C-alpha atoms as a PDB file:
ATOM      1  CA  MET A   1      -0.021  19.639 -12.896  1.00  0.00           C
ATOM      2  CA  THR A   2      -1.838  19.551 -16.208  1.00  0.00           C
ATOM      3  CA  GLU A   3       1.502  19.045 -17.978  1.00  0.00           C
ATOM      4  CA  PHE A   4       2.089  15.954 -15.831  1.00  0.00           C
ATOM      5  CA  ILE A   5      -1.384  14.566 -16.607  1.00  0.00           C
ATOM      6  CA  ARG A   6      -0.892  15.290 -20.300  1.00  0.00           C
ATOM      7  CA  GLY A   7       2.435  13.442 -20.196  1.00  0.00           C
ATOM      8  CA  LEU A   8       0.732  10.428 -18.671  1.00  0.00           C
ATOM      9  CA  ARG A   9      -2.008  10.404 -21.291  1.00  0.00           C
ATOM     10  CA  GLU A  10       0.422  10.833 -24.184  1.00  0.00           C
ATOM     11  CA  LEU A  11       2.820   8.166 -22.835  1.00  0.00           C
ATOM     12  CA  ARG A  12       5.744  10.545 -22.412  1.00  0.00           C
ATOM     13  CA  ARG A  13       8.887   9.359 -20.677  1.00  0.00           C
ATOM     14  CA  GLY A  14       9.251  12.050 -18.003  1.00  0.00           C
ATOM     15  CA  ALA A  15       5.873  11.609 -16.352  1.00  0.00           C
ATOM     16  CA  TRP A  16       5.939   7.809 -16.379  1.00  0.00           C
ATOM     17  CA  GLU A  17       9.536   7.693 -15.105  1.00  0.00           C
ATOM     18  CA  MET A  18       8.426   9.808 -12.161  1.00  0.00           C
ATOM     19  CA  VAL A  19       5.593   7.369 -11.392  1.00  0.00           C
ATOM     20  CA  ALA A  20       8.009   4.429 -11.619  1.00  0.00           C
ATOM     21  CA  SER A  21      10.518   6.201  -9.365  1.00  0.00           C
ATOM     22  CA  VAL A  22       7.820   6.894  -6.777  1.00  0.00           C
ATOM     23  CA  LEU A  23       6.854   3.211  -6.847  1.00  0.00           C
ATOM     24  CA  ILE A  24      10.468   2.177  -6.288  1.00  0.00           C
ATOM     25  CA  ALA A  25      10.838   4.632  -3.398  1.00  0.00           C
ATOM     26  CA  LEU A  26       7.538   3.462  -1.910  1.00  0.00           C
ATOM     27  CA  GLY A  27       8.678  -0.157  -2.116  1.00  0.00           C
ATOM     28  CA  VAL A  28      11.957   0.647  -0.355  1.00  0.00           C
ATOM     29  CA  PHE A  29      10.078   2.562   2.336  1.00  0.00           C
ATOM     30  CA  MET A  30       7.713  -0.370   2.790  1.00  0.00           C
ATOM     31  CA  LEU A  31      10.717  -2.668   3.146  1.00  0.00           C
ATOM     32  CA  MET A  32      12.368  -0.549   5.842  1.00  0.00           C
ATOM     33  CA  GLN A  33       9.393   0.350   8.030  1.00  0.00           C
ATOM     34  CA  PRO A  34       8.979  -1.689  11.241  1.00  0.00           C
ATOM     35  CA  PHE A  35       5.241  -1.144  11.863  1.00  0.00           C
ATOM     36  CA  MET A  36       3.111  -3.204   9.495  1.00  0.00           C
ATOM     37  CA  LEU A  37       3.909  -6.726   8.360  1.00  0.00           C
ATOM     38  CA  SER A  38       1.496  -6.448   5.420  1.00  0.00           C
ATOM     39  CA  MET A  39       3.433  -3.479   4.001  1.00  0.00           C
ATOM     40  CA  PHE A  40       6.673  -5.422   4.423  1.00  0.00           C
ATOM     41  CA  SER A  41       5.115  -8.421   2.678  1.00  0.00           C
ATOM     42  CA  TYR A  42       4.227  -6.401  -0.428  1.00  0.00           C
ATOM     43  CA  SER A  43       7.408  -4.315  -0.521  1.00  0.00           C
ATOM     44  CA  PHE A  44       9.287  -6.614  -2.895  1.00  0.00           C
ATOM     45  CA  ILE A  45       6.479  -6.760  -5.455  1.00  0.00           C
ATOM     46  CA  VAL A  46       6.017  -2.962  -5.360  1.00  0.00           C
ATOM     47  CA  THR A  47       9.756  -2.428  -5.874  1.00  0.00           C
ATOM     48  CA  LEU A  48       9.819  -5.026  -8.651  1.00  0.00           C
ATOM     49  CA  VAL A  49       6.840  -3.449 -10.456  1.00  0.00           C
ATOM     50  CA  GLY A  50       8.471  -0.019 -10.213  1.00  0.00           C
ATOM     51  CA  THR A  51      11.762  -1.334 -11.576  1.00  0.00           C
ATOM     52  CA  VAL A  52      10.189  -3.179 -14.499  1.00  0.00           C
ATOM     53  CA  MET A  53       8.001  -0.159 -15.205  1.00  0.00           C
ATOM     54  CA  PHE A  54      11.077   2.093 -15.230  1.00  0.00           C
ATOM     55  CA  ILE A  55      12.823  -0.202 -17.703  1.00  0.00           C
ATOM     56  CA  ILE A  56       9.777  -0.215 -19.997  1.00  0.00           C
ATOM     57  CA  VAL A  57       9.086   3.522 -19.900  1.00  0.00           C
ATOM     58  CA  SER A  58      12.721   4.352 -20.551  1.00  0.00           C
ATOM     59  CA  HIS A  59      11.911   3.387 -24.152  1.00  0.00           C
ATOM     60  CA  PHE A  60       9.028   5.888 -24.419  1.00  0.00           C
ATOM     61  CA  PRO A  61       9.569   9.065 -26.486  1.00  0.00           C
ATOM     62  CA  GLU A  62      10.590  12.294 -24.771  1.00  0.00           C
END
């Protein structure tokens, strides 16, 4: 866990790509769930933020 936190602090690609991937997965889950309209309403923006974040952090150093 400390390696993950260190990767976030030092702007390393692996840790930030994982955060971006979790955001994308969360956005897709929010899009597909039938229970809460508010989650559905924010699903596109969460997926979009995760995708843009993934594109940006793919340029970070290993």
